[in-house]
Amino acid sequence: MVRSFEHILSSMSLETDSVAVSYLQLYLESVQDLLAPEKTNIPIVEDPKTGEVSLPGAAIVEIKDLEHVFQLLQIGETNRHAANTKMNTESSRSHAILIIHLQRSLRIKEEMTTSIPNSAEEFFPGDIPLVLKSKLLIVDLAGSERIDKSGSEGHMIEEAKFINLSLSSLGKCINALAENSPHIPTRDSKLTRMLRDSFGGTARTSLVVTIGPSARHYSETSSTILFGQRAMRVVNTMRLKEEIDYEILYKKVECEVDHLTSEMERQQKLKHIEITQVEKRLKESEMLFNDFRVTSSMQIENLEKEKHQFGYAIKKLMQELEEKEGQNNVLSQQIIHLETSLNEQKQQQLESLSNTKILADTTKTHEKKMGELLRQLEEERSHCAGMKDHFNILQQKLSDAQSSAQFQENMACELKKELSEITTAFTSQLHSLEEKNSELLSEKELIYEELKSTQEKLQHETTHRQSLESEVLRLKQSWTDNCAEESKTLCGMVRSGSGLGSAAFMSKSGKSKETQSSQRGTMSKIFEEVGLPSVLALLKSNDLEVQIHAVKVVANLAAEDVNQQKIVEEGGLDALLSLLETSENTTIHRATAGAIANLAMNVSNQGLIMSKGGARLLANVASKTDDPQTMRMVAGAIANLCGNDKWHMMLKRDGGIKALLGMFQTGHHDVIAQIARGLSNFAKCESRVISQGHRKGRSLLIDDGVLTWIVANSTVLSPSVRRHIELAFCHLAQNEENSRDIIVTGGIKELIRISRESSRDDARNLAKKALTSNPAFLKETQ
């Protein structure tokens, strides 16, 4: 998986390529999401047109970098179902399917443009993008399982049944494809439905089968090889998958809509400004018209008044003119009379001539005034007519402006209506997109936080599991070495109630201190010749030496996983617990505790040990003995029981935790190492249960004073022991209910020290997470 991502990320372009991942498991014929554990029973949907298989409910996470890939894979492995069987301590109980979605954006090909309708080209201007899609499935198939070899019980039998059923369906499909059968039974299992394209479909497929050289599993090896040979005969036809990137088209259309919307708003603003200006000009025209009407009426009244005055003046002038004419007539008569008497009276004639000139000048003056008055009257009439024409023109302009304003108002109403509808539609769409975006961002943040915490837990658990495995191997080796040095071959003692012949044992006496291989060979030979019931019967012997050697034989047999079930079924566990309770011998206590520690490595045996009071008996032995080796065996057995969260309450109630802390006073390095391992197992399992929501409240370890002991001794012990203690303390710090006790005991300084100086990466990461995520710790550090 990691190499595939390294290759993909090294050859992809951030501008045109995108990578997303889904991580699923098929558990009990139910598709579950490993990246989102709350999503269970995800449906499998097939496209009726293309036949493509999809999982619409599965989480799809876009990949950022290789570190992000590591986080997701660790989260998935943490959520995957696994169990401890005789064949495998970490046996997968489900099929894991990693789906990598690849996408590359390209420009549209020429032949694609011909298939797009003209209306779409008009609606989507520019190049239409093309998307190349690919899907890589990396499947980790759980191995087929035989109940008699794996030792599965209870719910594990159901898991094995579904595993074998799906693998059988896969084998049937591959057989049908290899034989060119017309019917391929892909619908018999959800596994074959999801992997339909991988065998005989449109994908390029690789199959990796694993085998081992053990002759004990010859039948599984041969069937696996035959399965791979049949799969090699299946031929797949690859097909290129191209699609139009409607997401980019949508963004382009969205940009075009935004542009049109802004342009429409701009046009609307311009129209609004024009309407405002027209209304303003209309109001100004109305005001001018009203002012002009008022001034025109006033001018007309003034003209009428002037007209009356001029008429009156003209009448008066006419009267004066008539009077002047009458006077002229009289004067002409006088002139005629004077002309006749001219010769006689020259002086009178001269006076008459002067009077005539005066009258003529006066007449000319009056005529000139009359001409001016008539001309002014004509000007006033023409001015009045011009004012009437101007008034009519203004009335026409006013009516035209009113009709134009009405038309513009109607157009503005229609535009406002259309604009409101378009604005409402786009506002609703924009609101919905913003809500979706906010939801996706919040989900992304939550998923990232969960990924981060799960990654830290997974790293811690992986490292801790490796340390435990190495510790178990070391303890087994140490126990075997001790047994090889201390034990002797069984003596040929026969007791009346033992039911054994002396010949089976006398042949093995007389040898001591053999090598480990010869010692185990001797034990196996004794077991085969004498039989387990007879060996277990010796545990009840009245001879102390016989009991000691029998316990050592049982302890050595219990170190092999294949013998543990037989020992328990034959009553060996009950005999060991009875011997632990009744015997006062230190050697018997040491060997019995070692045998129980070996049996406690098996999860199914842990429940039997706890239900029969094994933890209480071990605690009693720890309180009575002063032998470091016995305490080491007792501490190892209790440490193995601490690794199962189901028995934590009973283990605490029976005094197992107090017994671990009580054995610290010996000061022996191996005893302290087992104590630290037990506390680390207990804290780790308890932290996992609390994080999964199965239990709440303070840690069970705090009531027995474990927290105070850890803070006091975390820096004074050896580095190998210190690593377990630091890990236990960091797991306790993950529970916020323990915050107050950690602060009171001065654990904040220890957390800070671990986050900076610890030699284990998982301990440093857990300490940093506790310091940064716990509000109480943040307050104290500030």
Foldseek 3Di string as FASTA:
>chain_A
DLVVQVVVVVPDDPVFKWKKKWKWKQFLLKIAGLLDRVDIRFDWDADPPPRDIDGVVTDIGTDDDSVSVLLSVLSSVVSFDFDCWQVHRGAGLIKMKMKMKMKGKAWDDPVVVVVDDPVVCVLQPDTFIKMWIDIDIDMDQGDQDDCVRRVDDDVSVSSNVLSVQVVVLVLQQLLCQLVVNPDRPQVSGPVSSNCVLQFQHADPHDDDFDDDPDPVCVVSRVVRVVSVVSSVSTDYHHDTDMDTPVVVSVVSSVVVVVVVLVVLVVVLVVLVVVLVVLVVVLVVLVVVLVVLVVVLVVVVVVLVVVVVVLVVVVVVLVVVVVVLVVVVVVLVVVLVVCVVCCVPDVVVNVVSVVVVVVSVVVNVVSVVVVVVSVVVNVVSVVVNVVSVVVSVVSVVVSVVSVVVSVVSVVVSVVSVVVSVVVCVVVVVVVVVVVVVVVVVVVVVVVSVVVSLVSSLLSQLVVVLVVLVVVVVVVVLVVLLVVLQQPAAQAAQDDDPPLPDHSVLRPVRHDDHNDDSVVVVVSLVVSCVVVHDLSLLSQCPDPDPSSVLNSLQSLLSQLLNSVCLVVCVVSPVLVSLLVCLQPDPDLSSLLSSLSSLLSSLLHVVVLVVCLVVLVLLSLLVVLVPDLDPSSLLSSLSNLLSSLLDQVCPVSNVVSCNLVSLVVNVVSVDQSSLLSSLSSLLSNLSVVLVCVVVPNDAAARSNVVSPLLLVLVVCLPPHDLSSNLSSLNSNLSNLVHLNCLVVCVVSVVLVVLVCQLPPRPRPSSVSSSVCSCPPHPSNVVVVD
